[in-house]
C-alpha cells in the first residue's frame, strides 16, 4: 500500500518503520518544517526515539501535505488528541477521495469530550472511513523491531480487515475488533490509570500498590465504558488490560512517568514546562471525571488523579482516601 502518516513524533516514526518493514510505501508528514527537515536529513528522531532507530531512505519525511498525501491509500493519524482537529482541518482538502483514516491517538478532546475517531469523521467528512489502532505498543519497541500485538477497530465496511492484513507481519500481530467506541475509551482511560500508577511509583509504594491500581483500574475503565455504550469484554482484551499493563509498568510509559514526577512532588505546571512529550491522560482525566459524574458512574481512581493534578490534593492524601473507602465485596460493579 501507499501509506501516509500524519505526525513525525515517536509513534508516527515507529509506525513508519513498521509499515516499511511490511513492504509498504511510506510518507510521513511533520508540522514543524525545521525539525522535519532535520529528521529527513539525519534519518533519526532523537527527540522521541533512540539513535539506533534509523529511518530507511525509502521512507519520505516531509512538511509538505501535498507530497505526503498524494495518491495515498490509507492515512495513519499519529497526532495527539488535543491537536487532532487543527491538523486535520489543515490537510483535509489534500486527502484523496474516500481514503480511510486510522487514528493512533489515545485520548479525549478536552473542549468537546470527543474521541479521536469522532474528530476525524467530523473534520474530514463522512466519505472517509474511520478506524482506530490501539493496544500495547510503545514506540521505542516498535521502532526497534520487537514483537507486539495490537487491535484495529472499525465498523463493518470501514476496511478493518484490509488494514489488519496490510499491517500484520512477523513483528506486529493485528487483531480485528468491531467495538470502536470501547477500543478508543480503553486507550483514553488507561492513561489516567497509568498516571495513578506512576504516582504510586513516585511515592515509593511498590509493586503491590501498583498491581492493586491496575486490578481496580480495569474495572473502573470497564464500568465507565459500559455506561457510554461500549462492550465490557473489550476492556479485558488487548486494547484494555493489555495496554494498561504496559503503560503502567514500562519505563517508556509517558503517563506513568508523568505520574511518578507528580508523586515525587512536582506540580502539573512544572512538569508541562519541562517536557515536550505528551501525557494524554492529564487532559483526559478531567473529561472522563466530568462525563462519569453526569452518568452517575463511580470512578474513584480518576477522581483522585483529577484532585491531585487540578485541585492541589497531596498525592499521599489521595492514596490514603482510596485505601480508606468503605469496605465492600470485590465485584465488577466496584
C-alpha atoms as a PDB file:
ATOM      1  CA  UNK A   1       0.000   0.000   0.000  1.00  0.00           C
ATOM      2  CA  UNK A   2       0.881   3.629  -0.344  1.00  0.00           C
ATOM      3  CA  UNK A   3       0.555   4.916   3.233  1.00  0.00           C
ATOM      4  CA  UNK A   4       0.719   8.440   4.633  1.00  0.00           C
ATOM      5  CA  UNK A   5       1.415   9.068   8.298  1.00  0.00           C
ATOM      6  CA  UNK A   6       0.376  12.362   9.863  1.00  0.00           C
ATOM      7  CA  UNK A   7       2.781  13.200  12.666  1.00  0.00           C
ATOM      8  CA  UNK A   8       6.525  12.643  12.950  1.00  0.00           C
ATOM      9  CA  UNK A   9       6.675  12.129  16.707  1.00  0.00           C
ATOM     10  CA  UNK A  10       7.825   8.879  18.247  1.00  0.00           C
ATOM     11  CA  UNK A  11       4.784   6.804  17.357  1.00  0.00           C
ATOM     12  CA  UNK A  12       4.447   8.247  13.870  1.00  0.00           C
ATOM     13  CA  UNK A  13       8.040   7.365  13.015  1.00  0.00           C
ATOM     14  CA  UNK A  14       7.727   3.971  14.715  1.00  0.00           C
ATOM     15  CA  UNK A  15       4.688   3.121  12.601  1.00  0.00           C
ATOM     16  CA  UNK A  16       6.541   4.326   9.521  1.00  0.00           C
ATOM     17  CA  UNK A  17       9.274   1.790  10.292  1.00  0.00           C
ATOM     18  CA  UNK A  18       6.733  -0.963  10.943  1.00  0.00           C
ATOM     19  CA  UNK A  19       4.908  -0.169   7.694  1.00  0.00           C
ATOM     20  CA  UNK A  20       8.137  -0.035   5.699  1.00  0.00           C
ATOM     21  CA  UNK A  21       9.194  -3.434   7.040  1.00  0.00           C
ATOM     22  CA  UNK A  22       5.799  -4.782   5.959  1.00  0.00           C
ATOM     23  CA  UNK A  23       6.601  -3.730   2.394  1.00  0.00           C
ATOM     24  CA  UNK A  24       4.579  -0.539   2.062  1.00  0.00           C
ATOM     25  CA  UNK A  25       5.495   2.813   0.551  1.00  0.00           C
ATOM     26  CA  UNK A  26       5.502   5.329   3.386  1.00  0.00           C
ATOM     27  CA  UNK A  27       5.465   9.112   3.571  1.00  0.00           C
ATOM     28  CA  UNK A  28       5.498  10.936   6.912  1.00  0.00           C
ATOM     29  CA  UNK A  29       4.125  14.456   7.343  1.00  0.00           C
ATOM     30  CA  UNK A  30       5.525  16.721  10.073  1.00  0.00           C
ATOM     31  CA  UNK A  31       4.092  20.077  11.153  1.00  0.00           C
ATOM     32  CA  UNK A  32       7.376  21.784  12.114  1.00  0.00           C
ATOM     33  CA  UNK A  33       9.311  22.418   8.866  1.00  0.00           C
ATOM     34  CA  UNK A  34      12.674  22.933  10.562  1.00  0.00           C
ATOM     35  CA  UNK A  35      12.512  19.853  12.761  1.00  0.00           C
ATOM     36  CA  UNK A  36      11.015  17.784   9.951  1.00  0.00           C
ATOM     37  CA  UNK A  37      13.917  18.788   7.694  1.00  0.00           C
ATOM     38  CA  UNK A  38      16.339  17.678  10.408  1.00  0.00           C
ATOM     39  CA  UNK A  39      14.652  14.267  10.620  1.00  0.00           C
ATOM     40  CA  UNK A  40      14.705  13.935   6.828  1.00  0.00           C
ATOM     41  CA  UNK A  41      18.399  14.797   6.700  1.00  0.00           C
ATOM     42  CA  UNK A  42      19.669  12.761   9.666  1.00  0.00           C
ATOM     43  CA  UNK A  43      17.148   9.895   9.278  1.00  0.00           C
ATOM     44  CA  UNK A  44      16.618   9.931  13.055  1.00  0.00           C
ATOM     45  CA  UNK A  45      14.192  11.445  15.566  1.00  0.00           C
ATOM     46  CA  UNK A  46      16.298  11.945  18.707  1.00  0.00           C
ATOM     47  CA  UNK A  47      13.600  13.957  20.478  1.00  0.00           C
ATOM     48  CA  UNK A  48      11.445  10.840  20.856  1.00  0.00           C
ATOM     49  CA  UNK A  49      13.419   7.768  19.783  1.00  0.00           C
ATOM     50  CA  UNK A  50      16.898   6.348  20.439  1.00  0.00           C
ATOM     51  CA  UNK A  51      19.735   6.931  17.976  1.00  0.00           C
ATOM     52  CA  UNK A  52      19.513   3.296  16.910  1.00  0.00           C
ATOM     53  CA  UNK A  53      16.102   3.963  15.301  1.00  0.00           C
ATOM     54  CA  UNK A  54      17.271   4.792  11.771  1.00  0.00           C
ATOM     55  CA  UNK A  55      14.682   5.753   9.160  1.00  0.00           C
ATOM     56  CA  UNK A  56      15.368   3.922   5.858  1.00  0.00           C
ATOM     57  CA  UNK A  57      15.918   6.116   2.818  1.00  0.00           C
ATOM     58  CA  UNK A  58      12.742   4.954   1.000  1.00  0.00           C
ATOM     59  CA  UNK A  59      10.607   6.448   3.791  1.00  0.00           C
ATOM     60  CA  UNK A  60       9.809  10.034   2.796  1.00  0.00           C
ATOM     61  CA  UNK A  61       9.743  12.605   5.609  1.00  0.00           C
ATOM     62  CA  UNK A  62       8.243  15.929   4.568  1.00  0.00           C
ATOM     63  CA  UNK A  63       6.448  19.035   5.829  1.00  0.00           C
ATOM     64  CA  UNK A  64       4.502  19.352   2.548  1.00  0.00           C
ATOM     65  CA  UNK A  65       0.931  17.963   2.823  1.00  0.00           C
ATOM     66  CA  UNK A  66       0.630  17.653  -0.953  1.00  0.00           C
ATOM     67  CA  UNK A  67       3.743  15.478  -1.135  1.00  0.00           C
ATOM     68  CA  UNK A  68       2.753  13.350   1.847  1.00  0.00           C
ATOM     69  CA  UNK A  69      -0.851  12.675   0.851  1.00  0.00           C
ATOM     70  CA  UNK A  70      -0.783  12.473  -2.938  1.00  0.00           C
ATOM     71  CA  UNK A  71      -2.129   9.111  -4.074  1.00  0.00           C
ATOM     72  CA  UNK A  72      -2.140   7.552  -0.627  1.00  0.00           C
ATOM     73  CA  UNK A  73      -4.394   4.548   0.007  1.00  0.00           C
ATOM     74  CA  UNK A  74      -4.517   4.898   3.788  1.00  0.00           C
ATOM     75  CA  UNK A  75      -3.676   7.572   6.366  1.00  0.00           C
ATOM     76  CA  UNK A  76      -2.348   6.717   9.828  1.00  0.00           C
ATOM     77  CA  UNK A  77      -3.009   9.703  12.070  1.00  0.00           C
ATOM     78  CA  UNK A  78      -0.335   9.888  14.781  1.00  0.00           C
ATOM     79  CA  UNK A  79      -1.304  13.280  16.186  1.00  0.00           C
ATOM     80  CA  UNK A  80      -2.065  13.956  19.887  1.00  0.00           C
ATOM     81  CA  UNK A  81      -5.790  14.204  20.518  1.00  0.00           C
ATOM     82  CA  UNK A  82      -5.745  17.859  21.568  1.00  0.00           C
ATOM     83  CA  UNK A  83      -4.176  18.868  18.212  1.00  0.00           C
ATOM     84  CA  UNK A  84      -6.067  16.445  16.001  1.00  0.00           C
ATOM     85  CA  UNK A  85      -8.820  18.778  14.847  1.00  0.00           C
ATOM     86  CA  UNK A  86      -6.391  21.549  13.894  1.00  0.00           C
ATOM     87  CA  UNK A  87      -4.122  19.237  11.909  1.00  0.00           C
ATOM     88  CA  UNK A  88      -6.981  17.551  10.031  1.00  0.00           C
ATOM     89  CA  UNK A  89      -8.516  20.902   9.175  1.00  0.00           C
ATOM     90  CA  UNK A  90      -5.224  21.962   7.583  1.00  0.00           C
ATOM     91  CA  UNK A  91      -4.842  18.872   5.396  1.00  0.00           C
ATOM     92  CA  UNK A  92      -8.387  17.647   4.675  1.00  0.00           C
ATOM     93  CA  UNK A  93      -8.506  19.251   1.228  1.00  0.00           C
ATOM     94  CA  UNK A  94      -5.440  17.174   0.303  1.00  0.00           C
ATOM     95  CA  UNK A  95      -6.965  13.831   1.278  1.00  0.00           C
ATOM     96  CA  UNK A  96      -7.700  11.538  -1.686  1.00  0.00           C
ATOM     97  CA  UNK A  97     -11.413  10.799  -2.051  1.00  0.00           C
ATOM     98  CA  UNK A  98     -12.630   8.070   0.281  1.00  0.00           C
ATOM     99  CA  UNK A  99      -9.224   7.249   1.742  1.00  0.00           C
ATOM    100  CA  UNK A 100      -9.555   5.554   5.169  1.00  0.00           C
ATOM    101  CA  UNK A 101      -8.254   7.391   8.228  1.00  0.00           C
ATOM    102  CA  UNK A 102      -6.758   5.379  11.073  1.00  0.00           C
ATOM    103  CA  UNK A 103      -6.438   7.091  14.436  1.00  0.00           C
ATOM    104  CA  UNK A 104      -3.417   6.176  16.561  1.00  0.00           C
ATOM    105  CA  UNK A 105      -4.292   8.690  19.302  1.00  0.00           C
ATOM    106  CA  UNK A 106      -5.327   7.681  22.823  1.00  0.00           C
ATOM    107  CA  UNK A 107      -7.294  10.423  24.500  1.00  0.00           C
ATOM    108  CA  UNK A 108     -10.430  12.557  24.569  1.00  0.00           C
ATOM    109  CA  UNK A 109     -10.627  16.102  23.278  1.00  0.00           C
ATOM    110  CA  UNK A 110     -10.725  18.452  26.241  1.00  0.00           C
ATOM    111  CA  UNK A 111     -13.014  21.037  24.666  1.00  0.00           C
ATOM    112  CA  UNK A 112     -15.681  18.618  23.403  1.00  0.00           C
ATOM    113  CA  UNK A 113     -15.110  15.238  25.077  1.00  0.00           C
ATOM    114  CA  UNK A 114     -14.998  13.645  21.616  1.00  0.00           C
ATOM    115  CA  UNK A 115     -12.989  10.553  20.767  1.00  0.00           C
ATOM    116  CA  UNK A 116     -10.325  10.747  18.023  1.00  0.00           C
ATOM    117  CA  UNK A 117     -12.495   8.865  15.523  1.00  0.00           C
ATOM    118  CA  UNK A 118     -15.327  11.330  16.102  1.00  0.00           C
ATOM    119  CA  UNK A 119     -12.975  14.252  15.495  1.00  0.00           C
ATOM    120  CA  UNK A 120     -11.700  12.648  12.280  1.00  0.00           C
ATOM    121  CA  UNK A 121     -15.183  11.901  10.993  1.00  0.00           C
ATOM    122  CA  UNK A 122     -16.476  15.374  11.802  1.00  0.00           C
ATOM    123  CA  UNK A 123     -13.463  17.169  10.343  1.00  0.00           C
ATOM    124  CA  UNK A 124     -12.716  15.080   7.247  1.00  0.00           C
ATOM    125  CA  UNK A 125     -16.306  14.252   6.323  1.00  0.00           C
ATOM    126  CA  UNK A 126     -18.444  11.101   6.057  1.00  0.00           C
ATOM    127  CA  UNK A 127     -16.844   9.909   2.816  1.00  0.00           C
ATOM    128  CA  UNK A 128     -13.741   8.791   4.715  1.00  0.00           C
ATOM    129  CA  UNK A 129     -13.962   5.506   6.655  1.00  0.00           C
ATOM    130  CA  UNK A 130     -12.552   5.960  10.160  1.00  0.00           C
ATOM    131  CA  UNK A 131     -10.766   3.306  12.226  1.00  0.00           C
ATOM    132  CA  UNK A 132      -8.586   3.158  15.325  1.00  0.00           C
ATOM    133  CA  UNK A 133      -5.437   1.185  16.019  1.00  0.00           C
ATOM    134  CA  UNK A 134      -4.633   0.619  19.677  1.00  0.00           C
ATOM    135  CA  UNK A 135      -3.056  -1.784  22.155  1.00  0.00           C
ATOM    136  CA  UNK A 136       0.265  -2.279  23.986  1.00  0.00           C
ATOM    137  CA  UNK A 137       2.651  -0.696  21.504  1.00  0.00           C
ATOM    138  CA  UNK A 138       5.351   1.626  22.829  1.00  0.00           C
ATOM    139  CA  UNK A 139       7.063   3.494  20.015  1.00  0.00           C
ATOM    140  CA  UNK A 140      10.563   2.689  21.256  1.00  0.00           C
ATOM    141  CA  UNK A 141       9.960  -1.061  20.986  1.00  0.00           C
ATOM    142  CA  UNK A 142       8.115  -0.905  17.673  1.00  0.00           C
ATOM    143  CA  UNK A 143      10.948   1.141  16.203  1.00  0.00           C
ATOM    144  CA  UNK A 144      13.446  -1.472  17.377  1.00  0.00           C
ATOM    145  CA  UNK A 145      11.520  -4.242  15.611  1.00  0.00           C
ATOM    146  CA  UNK A 146      10.449  -6.005  18.808  1.00  0.00           C
ATOM    147  CA  UNK A 147       7.281  -8.126  18.597  1.00  0.00           C
ATOM    148  CA  UNK A 148       3.948  -6.594  19.581  1.00  0.00           C
ATOM    149  CA  UNK A 149       0.235  -7.154  19.157  1.00  0.00           C
ATOM    150  CA  UNK A 150      -2.431  -4.502  18.605  1.00  0.00           C
ATOM    151  CA  UNK A 151      -6.079  -4.277  17.624  1.00  0.00           C
ATOM    152  CA  UNK A 152      -7.661  -2.394  14.746  1.00  0.00           C
ATOM    153  CA  UNK A 153     -11.255  -1.346  15.270  1.00  0.00           C
ATOM    154  CA  UNK A 154     -13.869  -0.107  12.857  1.00  0.00           C
ATOM    155  CA  UNK A 155     -17.454  -0.549  11.802  1.00  0.00           C
ATOM    156  CA  UNK A 156     -18.458  -3.002   9.100  1.00  0.00           C
ATOM    157  CA  UNK A 157     -17.276  -1.745   5.736  1.00  0.00           C
ATOM    158  CA  UNK A 158     -14.592   0.511   7.209  1.00  0.00           C
ATOM    159  CA  UNK A 159     -11.725  -1.564   5.852  1.00  0.00           C
ATOM    160  CA  UNK A 160     -10.580  -3.078   9.146  1.00  0.00           C
ATOM    161  CA  UNK A 161      -9.930  -6.473   7.549  1.00  0.00           C
ATOM    162  CA  UNK A 162      -7.781  -4.955   4.797  1.00  0.00           C
ATOM    163  CA  UNK A 163      -5.809  -2.890   7.308  1.00  0.00           C
ATOM    164  CA  UNK A 164      -5.329  -5.935   9.512  1.00  0.00           C
ATOM    165  CA  UNK A 165      -3.834  -7.817   6.582  1.00  0.00           C
ATOM    166  CA  UNK A 166      -1.720  -4.866   5.451  1.00  0.00           C
ATOM    167  CA  UNK A 167      -0.059  -4.101   8.779  1.00  0.00           C
ATOM    168  CA  UNK A 168       0.271  -7.642  10.089  1.00  0.00           C
ATOM    169  CA  UNK A 169       3.777  -9.089   9.972  1.00  0.00           C
ATOM    170  CA  UNK A 170       6.221 -11.254  11.897  1.00  0.00           C
ATOM    171  CA  UNK A 171       6.791  -8.205  14.118  1.00  0.00           C
ATOM    172  CA  UNK A 172       3.221  -6.989  14.538  1.00  0.00           C
ATOM    173  CA  UNK A 173       0.200  -9.201  15.139  1.00  0.00           C
ATOM    174  CA  UNK A 174      -3.004  -7.305  14.395  1.00  0.00           C
ATOM    175  CA  UNK A 175      -6.353  -8.364  15.817  1.00  0.00           C
ATOM    176  CA  UNK A 176      -9.664  -7.063  14.478  1.00  0.00           C
ATOM    177  CA  UNK A 177     -12.423  -5.506  16.590  1.00  0.00           C
ATOM    178  CA  UNK A 178     -15.852  -4.025  15.840  1.00  0.00           C
ATOM    179  CA  UNK A 179     -16.182  -2.120  19.154  1.00  0.00           C
ATOM    180  CA  UNK A 180     -14.586   1.136  18.038  1.00  0.00           C
ATOM    181  CA  UNK A 181     -16.099   3.005  20.986  1.00  0.00           C
ATOM    182  CA  UNK A 182     -14.699   0.550  23.516  1.00  0.00           C
ATOM    183  CA  UNK A 183     -11.240   0.409  21.946  1.00  0.00           C
ATOM    184  CA  UNK A 184     -10.929   4.182  21.988  1.00  0.00           C
ATOM    185  CA  UNK A 185     -12.200   4.500  25.552  1.00  0.00           C
ATOM    186  CA  UNK A 186      -9.672   1.853  26.605  1.00  0.00           C
ATOM    187  CA  UNK A 187      -6.859   3.872  25.067  1.00  0.00           C
ATOM    188  CA  UNK A 188      -8.046   7.066  26.703  1.00  0.00           C
ATOM    189  CA  UNK A 189      -8.899   5.963  30.230  1.00  0.00           C
ATOM    190  CA  UNK A 190      -5.938   3.601  30.683  1.00  0.00           C
ATOM    191  CA  UNK A 191      -3.714   6.694  30.530  1.00  0.00           C
ATOM    192  CA  UNK A 192      -5.484   8.083  33.590  1.00  0.00           C
ATOM    193  CA  UNK A 193      -4.865   4.811  35.433  1.00  0.00           C
ATOM    194  CA  UNK A 194      -1.233   4.892  34.348  1.00  0.00           C
ATOM    195  CA  UNK A 195      -0.822   8.332  35.917  1.00  0.00           C
ATOM    196  CA  UNK A 196      -2.179   6.888  39.161  1.00  0.00           C
ATOM    197  CA  UNK A 197       0.296   4.008  38.916  1.00  0.00           C
ATOM    198  CA  UNK A 198       3.101   6.491  38.341  1.00  0.00           C
ATOM    199  CA  UNK A 199       2.079   8.495  41.404  1.00  0.00           C
ATOM    200  CA  UNK A 200       2.380   5.297  43.442  1.00  0.00           C
ATOM    201  CA  UNK A 201       5.866   4.799  41.968  1.00  0.00           C
ATOM    202  CA  UNK A 202       6.861   8.345  42.852  1.00  0.00           C
ATOM    203  CA  UNK A 203       5.679   7.821  46.414  1.00  0.00           C
ATOM    204  CA  UNK A 204       7.716   4.614  46.632  1.00  0.00           C
ATOM    205  CA  UNK A 205       4.685   2.427  47.341  1.00  0.00           C
ATOM    206  CA  UNK A 206       5.954  -0.636  45.463  1.00  0.00           C
ATOM    207  CA  UNK A 207       4.534  -3.228  43.101  1.00  0.00           C
ATOM    208  CA  UNK A 208       1.701  -4.373  45.370  1.00  0.00           C
ATOM    209  CA  UNK A 209       0.126  -0.921  45.282  1.00  0.00           C
ATOM    210  CA  UNK A 210       0.559  -0.652  41.535  1.00  0.00           C
ATOM    211  CA  UNK A 211      -0.997  -4.065  40.965  1.00  0.00           C
ATOM    212  CA  UNK A 212      -3.997  -3.003  43.024  1.00  0.00           C
ATOM    213  CA  UNK A 213      -4.358   0.128  40.904  1.00  0.00           C
ATOM    214  CA  UNK A 214      -4.290  -1.975  37.735  1.00  0.00           C
ATOM    215  CA  UNK A 215      -6.810  -4.517  39.012  1.00  0.00           C
ATOM    216  CA  UNK A 216      -9.276  -1.882  40.174  1.00  0.00           C
ATOM    217  CA  UNK A 217      -8.376   0.403  37.306  1.00  0.00           C
ATOM    218  CA  UNK A 218      -9.501  -2.009  34.606  1.00  0.00           C
ATOM    219  CA  UNK A 219     -12.802  -2.480  36.448  1.00  0.00           C
ATOM    220  CA  UNK A 220     -13.209   1.289  36.615  1.00  0.00           C
ATOM    221  CA  UNK A 221     -12.435   1.555  32.907  1.00  0.00           C
ATOM    222  CA  UNK A 222     -14.975  -1.118  32.013  1.00  0.00           C
ATOM    223  CA  UNK A 223     -17.671   0.353  34.264  1.00  0.00           C
ATOM    224  CA  UNK A 224     -17.295   3.696  32.545  1.00  0.00           C
ATOM    225  CA  UNK A 225     -17.115   2.168  29.071  1.00  0.00           C
ATOM    226  CA  UNK A 226     -20.303   0.177  29.515  1.00  0.00           C
ATOM    227  CA  UNK A 227     -22.098   3.320  30.708  1.00  0.00           C
ATOM    228  CA  UNK A 228     -21.005   5.022  27.485  1.00  0.00           C
ATOM    229  CA  UNK A 229     -22.277   2.123  25.379  1.00  0.00           C
ATOM    230  CA  UNK A 230     -19.121   0.036  24.873  1.00  0.00           C
ATOM    231  CA  UNK A 231     -18.819  -3.734  25.332  1.00  0.00           C
ATOM    232  CA  UNK A 232     -17.368  -4.824  28.670  1.00  0.00           C
ATOM    233  CA  UNK A 233     -15.219  -7.584  27.155  1.00  0.00           C
ATOM    234  CA  UNK A 234     -13.235  -5.032  25.152  1.00  0.00           C
ATOM    235  CA  UNK A 235     -11.697  -3.743  28.378  1.00  0.00           C
ATOM    236  CA  UNK A 236     -10.289  -7.158  29.222  1.00  0.00           C
ATOM    237  CA  UNK A 237      -8.582  -7.570  25.862  1.00  0.00           C
ATOM    238  CA  UNK A 238      -5.601  -6.189  24.002  1.00  0.00           C
ATOM    239  CA  UNK A 239      -6.779  -2.556  23.967  1.00  0.00           C
ATOM    240  CA  UNK A 240      -7.806  -2.633  27.627  1.00  0.00           C
ATOM    241  CA  UNK A 241      -5.883  -4.671  30.160  1.00  0.00           C
ATOM    242  CA  UNK A 242      -3.050  -5.281  27.666  1.00  0.00           C
ATOM    243  CA  UNK A 243      -2.386  -1.600  27.038  1.00  0.00           C
ATOM    244  CA  UNK A 244      -2.995  -0.706  30.682  1.00  0.00           C
ATOM    245  CA  UNK A 245      -0.363  -3.182  31.862  1.00  0.00           C
ATOM    246  CA  UNK A 246       2.376  -1.984  29.538  1.00  0.00           C
ATOM    247  CA  UNK A 247       1.607   1.689  30.159  1.00  0.00           C
ATOM    248  CA  UNK A 248       1.617   1.304  33.934  1.00  0.00           C
ATOM    249  CA  UNK A 249       4.793  -0.769  34.233  1.00  0.00           C
ATOM    250  CA  UNK A 250       7.046   0.206  31.318  1.00  0.00           C
ATOM    251  CA  UNK A 251       9.880   2.702  31.591  1.00  0.00           C
ATOM    252  CA  UNK A 252       8.631   4.027  28.237  1.00  0.00           C
ATOM    253  CA  UNK A 253       5.167   4.892  29.575  1.00  0.00           C
ATOM    254  CA  UNK A 254       4.758   8.679  29.338  1.00  0.00           C
ATOM    255  CA  UNK A 255       1.709   8.815  31.565  1.00  0.00           C
ATOM    256  CA  UNK A 256       3.317   6.592  34.173  1.00  0.00           C
ATOM    257  CA  UNK A 257       6.462   8.755  34.104  1.00  0.00           C
ATOM    258  CA  UNK A 258       4.333  11.884  34.421  1.00  0.00           C
ATOM    259  CA  UNK A 259       2.581  10.445  37.462  1.00  0.00           C
ATOM    260  CA  UNK A 260       5.891   9.452  39.008  1.00  0.00           C
ATOM    261  CA  UNK A 261       7.075  13.043  38.875  1.00  0.00           C
ATOM    262  CA  UNK A 262       3.814  14.141  40.498  1.00  0.00           C
ATOM    263  CA  UNK A 263       4.338  11.580  43.237  1.00  0.00           C
ATOM    264  CA  UNK A 264       7.803  12.984  43.859  1.00  0.00           C
ATOM    265  CA  UNK A 265       6.358  16.410  44.493  1.00  0.00           C
ATOM    266  CA  UNK A 266       6.444  18.268  41.159  1.00  0.00           C
ATOM    267  CA  UNK A 267       3.436  20.318  40.132  1.00  0.00           C
ATOM    268  CA  UNK A 268       1.486  19.957  36.912  1.00  0.00           C
ATOM    269  CA  UNK A 269       2.841  23.280  35.676  1.00  0.00           C
ATOM    270  CA  UNK A 270       6.462  22.339  36.418  1.00  0.00           C
ATOM    271  CA  UNK A 271       6.223  19.071  34.515  1.00  0.00           C
ATOM    272  CA  UNK A 272       4.437  20.538  31.499  1.00  0.00           C
ATOM    273  CA  UNK A 273       7.052  23.280  31.237  1.00  0.00           C
ATOM    274  CA  UNK A 274       9.943  20.823  31.272  1.00  0.00           C
ATOM    275  CA  UNK A 275       8.959  18.225  28.673  1.00  0.00           C
ATOM    276  CA  UNK A 276       7.881  18.042  25.031  1.00  0.00           C
ATOM    277  CA  UNK A 277       6.390  14.570  25.481  1.00  0.00           C
ATOM    278  CA  UNK A 278       2.618  14.447  25.642  1.00  0.00           C
ATOM    279  CA  UNK A 279       0.856  12.668  28.523  1.00  0.00           C
ATOM    280  CA  UNK A 280      -2.675  12.369  27.133  1.00  0.00           C
ATOM    281  CA  UNK A 281      -4.063  11.177  30.467  1.00  0.00           C
ATOM    282  CA  UNK A 282      -3.625  14.612  32.037  1.00  0.00           C
ATOM    283  CA  UNK A 283      -6.322  16.195  29.878  1.00  0.00           C
ATOM    284  CA  UNK A 284      -8.393  13.047  29.512  1.00  0.00           C
ATOM    285  CA  UNK A 285      -8.763  12.665  33.290  1.00  0.00           C
ATOM    286  CA  UNK A 286     -10.872  15.785  33.646  1.00  0.00           C
ATOM    287  CA  UNK A 287     -13.068  14.932  30.647  1.00  0.00           C
ATOM    288  CA  UNK A 288     -13.713  11.423  31.964  1.00  0.00           C
ATOM    289  CA  UNK A 289     -14.420  12.626  35.503  1.00  0.00           C
ATOM    290  CA  UNK A 290     -16.989  15.148  34.292  1.00  0.00           C
ATOM    291  CA  UNK A 291     -18.708  12.685  31.964  1.00  0.00           C
ATOM    292  CA  UNK A 292     -18.718   9.979  34.632  1.00  0.00           C
ATOM    293  CA  UNK A 293     -20.384  12.326  37.082  1.00  0.00           C
ATOM    294  CA  UNK A 294     -23.137  13.097  34.564  1.00  0.00           C
ATOM    295  CA  UNK A 295     -23.602   9.352  34.018  1.00  0.00           C
ATOM    296  CA  UNK A 296     -23.529   8.638  37.791  1.00  0.00           C
ATOM    297  CA  UNK A 297     -20.575   6.278  37.309  1.00  0.00           C
ATOM    298  CA  UNK A 298     -18.281   5.810  40.298  1.00  0.00           C
ATOM    299  CA  UNK A 299     -14.619   6.337  39.327  1.00  0.00           C
ATOM    300  CA  UNK A 300     -12.549   6.799  42.496  1.00  0.00           C
ATOM    301  CA  UNK A 301      -9.122   6.478  40.843  1.00  0.00           C
ATOM    302  CA  UNK A 302      -9.996   9.017  38.159  1.00  0.00           C
ATOM    303  CA  UNK A 303     -11.388  11.365  40.804  1.00  0.00           C
ATOM    304  CA  UNK A 304      -8.161  11.047  42.792  1.00  0.00           C
ATOM    305  CA  UNK A 305      -5.980  11.794  39.770  1.00  0.00           C
ATOM    306  CA  UNK A 306      -8.001  14.921  38.964  1.00  0.00           C
ATOM    307  CA  UNK A 307      -7.877  16.096  42.568  1.00  0.00           C
ATOM    308  CA  UNK A 308      -4.087  15.772  42.616  1.00  0.00           C
ATOM    309  CA  UNK A 309      -3.478  17.355  39.208  1.00  0.00           C
ATOM    310  CA  UNK A 310      -6.003  20.186  39.267  1.00  0.00           C
ATOM    311  CA  UNK A 311      -7.155  20.755  42.831  1.00  0.00           C
ATOM    312  CA  UNK A 312      -3.929  20.672  44.804  1.00  0.00           C
ATOM    313  CA  UNK A 313      -4.629  17.481  46.769  1.00  0.00           C
ATOM    314  CA  UNK A 314      -1.385  15.958  48.072  1.00  0.00           C
ATOM    315  CA  UNK A 315      -0.665  12.575  46.450  1.00  0.00           C
ATOM    316  CA  UNK A 316      -0.285  10.909  49.859  1.00  0.00           C
ATOM    317  CA  UNK A 317      -3.741  12.097  50.902  1.00  0.00           C
ATOM    318  CA  UNK A 318      -5.252  10.895  47.633  1.00  0.00           C
ATOM    319  CA  UNK A 319      -3.864   7.402  48.144  1.00  0.00           C
ATOM    320  CA  UNK A 320      -5.000   7.379  51.756  1.00  0.00           C
ATOM    321  CA  UNK A 321      -8.520   8.345  50.688  1.00  0.00           C
ATOM    322  CA  UNK A 322      -8.598   5.430  48.241  1.00  0.00           C
ATOM    323  CA  UNK A 323      -7.385   2.992  50.901  1.00  0.00           C
ATOM    324  CA  UNK A 324      -9.959   4.185  53.416  1.00  0.00           C
ATOM    325  CA  UNK A 325     -13.034   3.872  51.195  1.00  0.00           C
ATOM    326  CA  UNK A 326     -15.899   1.818  52.614  1.00  0.00           C
ATOM    327  CA  UNK A 327     -15.211  -1.915  52.752  1.00  0.00           C
ATOM    328  CA  UNK A 328     -17.136  -3.922  50.180  1.00  0.00           C
ATOM    329  CA  UNK A 329     -17.197  -7.137  48.205  1.00  0.00           C
ATOM    330  CA  UNK A 330     -14.933  -7.215  45.166  1.00  0.00           C
ATOM    331  CA  UNK A 331     -17.112  -7.173  42.087  1.00  0.00           C
ATOM    332  CA  UNK A 332     -17.351  -5.794  38.575  1.00  0.00           C
ATOM    333  CA  UNK A 333     -19.689  -3.145  39.879  1.00  0.00           C
ATOM    334  CA  UNK A 334     -16.867  -1.720  42.036  1.00  0.00           C
END
